Amino acid sequence: MPAPADVAVAALIGAALVTDLRARRVPNLLTFGGMALGVSANALAGDWRVGLIGAAVAFVVMFPGWRLGGAVRAGDAKLLMAVGAFYGGGEALRAGLLTYILALPYGLAILAARGRLRGVVGAWRAGVARAMGRDVPEPELTVVAFVPVVAAAVWVTRATDVLRLW
């Protein structure tokens, strides 16, 4: 029988999957509500700091992906913060790192399926040209639903010892 936290996180991720696949967004009500519920659940279990540390670790792990290039959107980062609020810092770290590992093959597969793989090369070339001081237009971006990657990373970290560092 799954633990109550697992049921809550599965419901949270399930709702986020629906909204991300339909509208390419994860609502703040869902993410901040999940964080509050996770911290509260840990407080009832005896240590609210577990939830706060989990959310903070997820923030630290996901912030670079959001800030440095936008591969991770804010809702995706906040979703992992909510997961961290339930499971604590160790699980948040593992799930966050695995999210980055899974993101590249997932993104390339989605772009290939949409016939947009050439755009990756164009974006890379534009980045190199900008780094060399040339003025080039921004390439057109393809936005993909990222919650499936977060969901897979959370599931794998809960079900296995992948990336268990201690």
C-alpha atoms as a PDB file:
ATOM      1  CA  MET A   1       0.000   0.000   0.000  1.00  0.00           C
ATOM      2  CA  PRO A   2       1.473   3.378  -0.961  1.00  0.00           C
ATOM      3  CA  ALA A   3       2.275   5.920   1.716  1.00  0.00           C
ATOM      4  CA  PRO A   4      -0.022   8.962   1.958  1.00  0.00           C
ATOM      5  CA  ALA A   5       2.782  11.189   0.651  1.00  0.00           C
ATOM      6  CA  ASP A   6       3.101   8.994  -2.441  1.00  0.00           C
ATOM      7  CA  VAL A   7      -0.637   9.264  -3.095  1.00  0.00           C
ATOM      8  CA  ALA A   8      -0.562  13.051  -2.654  1.00  0.00           C
ATOM      9  CA  VAL A   9       2.471  13.446  -4.926  1.00  0.00           C
ATOM     10  CA  ALA A  10       0.927  11.167  -7.567  1.00  0.00           C
ATOM     11  CA  ALA A  11      -2.241  13.294  -7.530  1.00  0.00           C
ATOM     12  CA  LEU A  12      -0.195  16.493  -7.691  1.00  0.00           C
ATOM     13  CA  ILE A  13       1.895  15.272 -10.620  1.00  0.00           C
ATOM     14  CA  GLY A  14      -1.183  13.856 -12.354  1.00  0.00           C
ATOM     15  CA  ALA A  15      -2.946  17.226 -12.184  1.00  0.00           C
ATOM     16  CA  ALA A  16       0.212  18.996 -13.359  1.00  0.00           C
ATOM     17  CA  LEU A  17       0.508  16.566 -16.289  1.00  0.00           C
ATOM     18  CA  VAL A  18      -3.014  17.378 -17.426  1.00  0.00           C
ATOM     19  CA  THR A  19      -2.507  21.139 -17.294  1.00  0.00           C
ATOM     20  CA  ASP A  20       0.957  21.001 -18.865  1.00  0.00           C
ATOM     21  CA  LEU A  21      -0.139  18.789 -21.747  1.00  0.00           C
ATOM     22  CA  ARG A  22      -3.239  20.911 -22.397  1.00  0.00           C
ATOM     23  CA  ALA A  23      -1.968  24.437 -21.815  1.00  0.00           C
ATOM     24  CA  ARG A  24       1.826  24.177 -21.370  1.00  0.00           C
ATOM     25  CA  ARG A  25       1.591  25.598 -17.872  1.00  0.00           C
ATOM     26  CA  VAL A  26       1.476  24.401 -14.280  1.00  0.00           C
ATOM     27  CA  PRO A  27      -0.761  26.631 -12.115  1.00  0.00           C
ATOM     28  CA  ASN A  28       0.633  28.339  -9.017  1.00  0.00           C
ATOM     29  CA  LEU A  29      -2.333  27.087  -7.009  1.00  0.00           C
ATOM     30  CA  LEU A  30      -1.172  23.543  -7.682  1.00  0.00           C
ATOM     31  CA  THR A  31       2.527  24.106  -6.992  1.00  0.00           C
ATOM     32  CA  PHE A  32       2.283  26.405  -3.980  1.00  0.00           C
ATOM     33  CA  GLY A  33      -0.596  24.342  -2.615  1.00  0.00           C
ATOM     34  CA  GLY A  34       1.569  21.236  -3.003  1.00  0.00           C
ATOM     35  CA  MET A  35       4.457  22.916  -1.204  1.00  0.00           C
ATOM     36  CA  ALA A  36       2.201  23.961   1.680  1.00  0.00           C
ATOM     37  CA  LEU A  37       0.717  20.477   1.916  1.00  0.00           C
ATOM     38  CA  GLY A  38       4.162  18.838   1.833  1.00  0.00           C
ATOM     39  CA  VAL A  39       5.585  21.061   4.560  1.00  0.00           C
ATOM     40  CA  SER A  40       2.406  20.569   6.627  1.00  0.00           C
ATOM     41  CA  ALA A  41       2.564  16.789   6.211  1.00  0.00           C
ATOM     42  CA  ASN A  42       6.164  16.781   7.402  1.00  0.00           C
ATOM     43  CA  ALA A  43       5.213  19.031  10.329  1.00  0.00           C
ATOM     44  CA  LEU A  44       2.532  16.526  11.334  1.00  0.00           C
ATOM     45  CA  ALA A  45       5.115  13.746  10.993  1.00  0.00           C
ATOM     46  CA  GLY A  46       7.389  15.593  13.395  1.00  0.00           C
ATOM     47  CA  ASP A  47       9.780  17.839  11.445  1.00  0.00           C
ATOM     48  CA  TRP A  48       8.557  20.659   9.205  1.00  0.00           C
ATOM     49  CA  ARG A  49      12.184  21.436   8.290  1.00  0.00           C
ATOM     50  CA  VAL A  50      12.282  18.314   6.100  1.00  0.00           C
ATOM     51  CA  GLY A  51       9.675  19.898   3.842  1.00  0.00           C
ATOM     52  CA  LEU A  52      11.333  23.305   3.739  1.00  0.00           C
ATOM     53  CA  ILE A  53      14.740  21.810   3.036  1.00  0.00           C
ATOM     54  CA  GLY A  54      13.266  19.623   0.294  1.00  0.00           C
ATOM     55  CA  ALA A  55      11.643  22.609  -1.400  1.00  0.00           C
ATOM     56  CA  ALA A  56      14.835  24.658  -1.048  1.00  0.00           C
ATOM     57  CA  VAL A  57      17.034  21.919  -2.519  1.00  0.00           C
ATOM     58  CA  ALA A  58      14.673  21.549  -5.477  1.00  0.00           C
ATOM     59  CA  PHE A  59      14.813  25.321  -6.002  1.00  0.00           C
ATOM     60  CA  VAL A  60      18.620  25.315  -6.001  1.00  0.00           C
ATOM     61  CA  VAL A  61      18.759  22.389  -8.441  1.00  0.00           C
ATOM     62  CA  MET A  62      16.111  23.710 -10.843  1.00  0.00           C
ATOM     63  CA  PHE A  63      16.967  27.434 -10.764  1.00  0.00           C
ATOM     64  CA  PRO A  64      19.859  27.226 -13.253  1.00  0.00           C
ATOM     65  CA  GLY A  65      17.691  25.423 -15.812  1.00  0.00           C
ATOM     66  CA  TRP A  66      15.070  28.136 -15.481  1.00  0.00           C
ATOM     67  CA  ARG A  67      17.382  31.149 -15.345  1.00  0.00           C
ATOM     68  CA  LEU A  68      20.114  30.118 -17.770  1.00  0.00           C
ATOM     69  CA  GLY A  69      18.269  29.419 -20.957  1.00  0.00           C
ATOM     70  CA  GLY A  70      14.731  28.598 -19.996  1.00  0.00           C
ATOM     71  CA  ALA A  71      14.920  24.846 -20.550  1.00  0.00           C
ATOM     72  CA  VAL A  72      12.955  24.527 -17.324  1.00  0.00           C
ATOM     73  CA  ARG A  73       9.907  26.724 -16.958  1.00  0.00           C
ATOM     74  CA  ALA A  74       8.950  28.205 -13.591  1.00  0.00           C
ATOM     75  CA  GLY A  75       5.942  25.915 -13.094  1.00  0.00           C
ATOM     76  CA  ASP A  76       8.101  22.834 -13.664  1.00  0.00           C
ATOM     77  CA  ALA A  77      10.638  24.046 -11.101  1.00  0.00           C
ATOM     78  CA  LYS A  78       7.897  24.832  -8.571  1.00  0.00           C
ATOM     79  CA  LEU A  79       6.379  21.384  -9.147  1.00  0.00           C
ATOM     80  CA  LEU A  80       9.658  19.755  -8.162  1.00  0.00           C
ATOM     81  CA  MET A  81       9.786  22.084  -5.150  1.00  0.00           C
ATOM     82  CA  ALA A  82       6.377  20.733  -4.108  1.00  0.00           C
ATOM     83  CA  VAL A  83       7.665  17.176  -4.520  1.00  0.00           C
ATOM     84  CA  GLY A  84      10.705  18.098  -2.423  1.00  0.00           C
ATOM     85  CA  ALA A  85       8.400  19.502   0.257  1.00  0.00           C
ATOM     86  CA  PHE A  86       6.918  16.011   0.631  1.00  0.00           C
ATOM     87  CA  TYR A  87      10.052  13.875   0.287  1.00  0.00           C
ATOM     88  CA  GLY A  88      12.894  16.036   1.619  1.00  0.00           C
ATOM     89  CA  GLY A  89      16.216  17.224   0.288  1.00  0.00           C
ATOM     90  CA  GLY A  90      17.774  13.915  -0.735  1.00  0.00           C
ATOM     91  CA  GLU A  91      14.867  12.906  -2.956  1.00  0.00           C
ATOM     92  CA  ALA A  92      14.597  16.444  -4.353  1.00  0.00           C
ATOM     93  CA  LEU A  93      18.283  16.402  -5.283  1.00  0.00           C
ATOM     94  CA  ARG A  94      18.064  12.988  -6.957  1.00  0.00           C
ATOM     95  CA  ALA A  95      14.860  13.820  -8.840  1.00  0.00           C
ATOM     96  CA  GLY A  96      16.216  17.201  -9.934  1.00  0.00           C
ATOM     97  CA  LEU A  97      19.471  15.749 -11.252  1.00  0.00           C
ATOM     98  CA  LEU A  98      17.633  12.940 -13.012  1.00  0.00           C
ATOM     99  CA  THR A  99      15.258  15.491 -14.546  1.00  0.00           C
ATOM    100  CA  TYR A 100      18.225  17.130 -16.263  1.00  0.00           C
ATOM    101  CA  ILE A 101      19.603  13.770 -17.387  1.00  0.00           C
ATOM    102  CA  LEU A 102      16.271  12.732 -18.917  1.00  0.00           C
ATOM    103  CA  ALA A 103      15.485  16.145 -20.432  1.00  0.00           C
ATOM    104  CA  LEU A 104      17.935  15.956 -23.346  1.00  0.00           C
ATOM    105  CA  PRO A 105      16.803  12.652 -24.887  1.00  0.00           C
ATOM    106  CA  TYR A 106      13.162  13.554 -24.200  1.00  0.00           C
ATOM    107  CA  GLY A 107      13.478  16.965 -25.814  1.00  0.00           C
ATOM    108  CA  LEU A 108      15.341  15.603 -28.830  1.00  0.00           C
ATOM    109  CA  ALA A 109      12.726  12.864 -29.307  1.00  0.00           C
ATOM    110  CA  ILE A 110       9.878  15.401 -29.170  1.00  0.00           C
ATOM    111  CA  LEU A 111      11.645  17.726 -31.602  1.00  0.00           C
ATOM    112  CA  ALA A 112      12.372  14.837 -33.972  1.00  0.00           C
ATOM    113  CA  ALA A 113       8.740  13.719 -33.851  1.00  0.00           C
ATOM    114  CA  ARG A 114       7.640  17.273 -34.704  1.00  0.00           C
ATOM    115  CA  GLY A 115      10.211  17.625 -37.479  1.00  0.00           C
ATOM    116  CA  ARG A 116      11.983  20.421 -35.593  1.00  0.00           C
ATOM    117  CA  LEU A 117      15.340  18.753 -34.986  1.00  0.00           C
ATOM    118  CA  ARG A 118      17.069  21.032 -37.501  1.00  0.00           C
ATOM    119  CA  GLY A 119      16.053  23.949 -35.326  1.00  0.00           C
ATOM    120  CA  VAL A 120      18.377  22.624 -32.607  1.00  0.00           C
ATOM    121  CA  VAL A 121      21.342  22.931 -34.952  1.00  0.00           C
ATOM    122  CA  GLY A 122      20.178  26.402 -36.002  1.00  0.00           C
ATOM    123  CA  ALA A 123      19.823  27.495 -32.386  1.00  0.00           C
ATOM    124  CA  TRP A 124      23.280  26.134 -31.596  1.00  0.00           C
ATOM    125  CA  ARG A 125      24.792  27.969 -34.576  1.00  0.00           C
ATOM    126  CA  ALA A 126      23.037  31.198 -33.571  1.00  0.00           C
ATOM    127  CA  GLY A 127      24.402  30.826 -30.041  1.00  0.00           C
ATOM    128  CA  VAL A 128      27.933  30.343 -31.348  1.00  0.00           C
ATOM    129  CA  ALA A 129      27.546  33.357 -33.656  1.00  0.00           C
ATOM    130  CA  ARG A 130      26.295  35.524 -30.775  1.00  0.00           C
ATOM    131  CA  ALA A 131      29.207  34.342 -28.632  1.00  0.00           C
ATOM    132  CA  MET A 132      31.540  35.512 -31.410  1.00  0.00           C
ATOM    133  CA  GLY A 133      29.936  38.955 -31.323  1.00  0.00           C
ATOM    134  CA  ARG A 134      27.700  38.663 -34.373  1.00  0.00           C
ATOM    135  CA  ASP A 135      24.210  40.103 -34.355  1.00  0.00           C
ATOM    136  CA  VAL A 136      21.882  37.253 -35.306  1.00  0.00           C
ATOM    137  CA  PRO A 137      18.132  36.906 -34.804  1.00  0.00           C
ATOM    138  CA  GLU A 138      16.799  34.707 -32.035  1.00  0.00           C
ATOM    139  CA  PRO A 139      15.730  31.297 -33.350  1.00  0.00           C
ATOM    140  CA  GLU A 140      12.101  30.235 -33.051  1.00  0.00           C
ATOM    141  CA  LEU A 141      11.652  28.109 -29.952  1.00  0.00           C
ATOM    142  CA  THR A 142       9.542  24.987 -29.663  1.00  0.00           C
ATOM    143  CA  VAL A 143       7.928  24.651 -26.251  1.00  0.00           C
ATOM    144  CA  VAL A 144       7.474  21.091 -25.025  1.00  0.00           C
ATOM    145  CA  ALA A 145       5.580  19.835 -22.005  1.00  0.00           C
ATOM    146  CA  PHE A 146       8.233  19.247 -19.338  1.00  0.00           C
ATOM    147  CA  VAL A 147       6.128  17.744 -16.545  1.00  0.00           C
ATOM    148  CA  PRO A 148       6.428  14.242 -18.095  1.00  0.00           C
ATOM    149  CA  VAL A 149      10.190  14.458 -17.490  1.00  0.00           C
ATOM    150  CA  VAL A 150       9.691  15.569 -13.885  1.00  0.00           C
ATOM    151  CA  ALA A 151       7.143  12.768 -13.390  1.00  0.00           C
ATOM    152  CA  ALA A 152       9.519  10.142 -14.788  1.00  0.00           C
ATOM    153  CA  ALA A 153      12.396  11.418 -12.657  1.00  0.00           C
ATOM    154  CA  VAL A 154      10.301  11.364  -9.479  1.00  0.00           C
ATOM    155  CA  TRP A 155       8.991   7.874 -10.229  1.00  0.00           C
ATOM    156  CA  VAL A 156      12.476   6.490 -10.953  1.00  0.00           C
ATOM    157  CA  THR A 157      13.987   8.038  -7.828  1.00  0.00           C
ATOM    158  CA  ARG A 158      11.175   6.670  -5.666  1.00  0.00           C
ATOM    159  CA  ALA A 159      11.290   3.197  -7.220  1.00  0.00           C
ATOM    160  CA  THR A 160      15.068   2.708  -7.493  1.00  0.00           C
ATOM    161  CA  ASP A 161      18.400   3.670  -5.992  1.00  0.00           C
ATOM    162  CA  VAL A 162      19.419   5.658  -9.084  1.00  0.00           C
ATOM    163  CA  LEU A 163      21.693   8.540  -8.089  1.00  0.00           C
ATOM    164  CA  ARG A 164      21.499   7.605  -4.414  1.00  0.00           C
ATOM    165  CA  LEU A 165      24.603   9.296  -3.087  1.00  0.00           C
ATOM    166  CA  TRP A 166      24.259   8.261   0.559  1.00  0.00           C
END
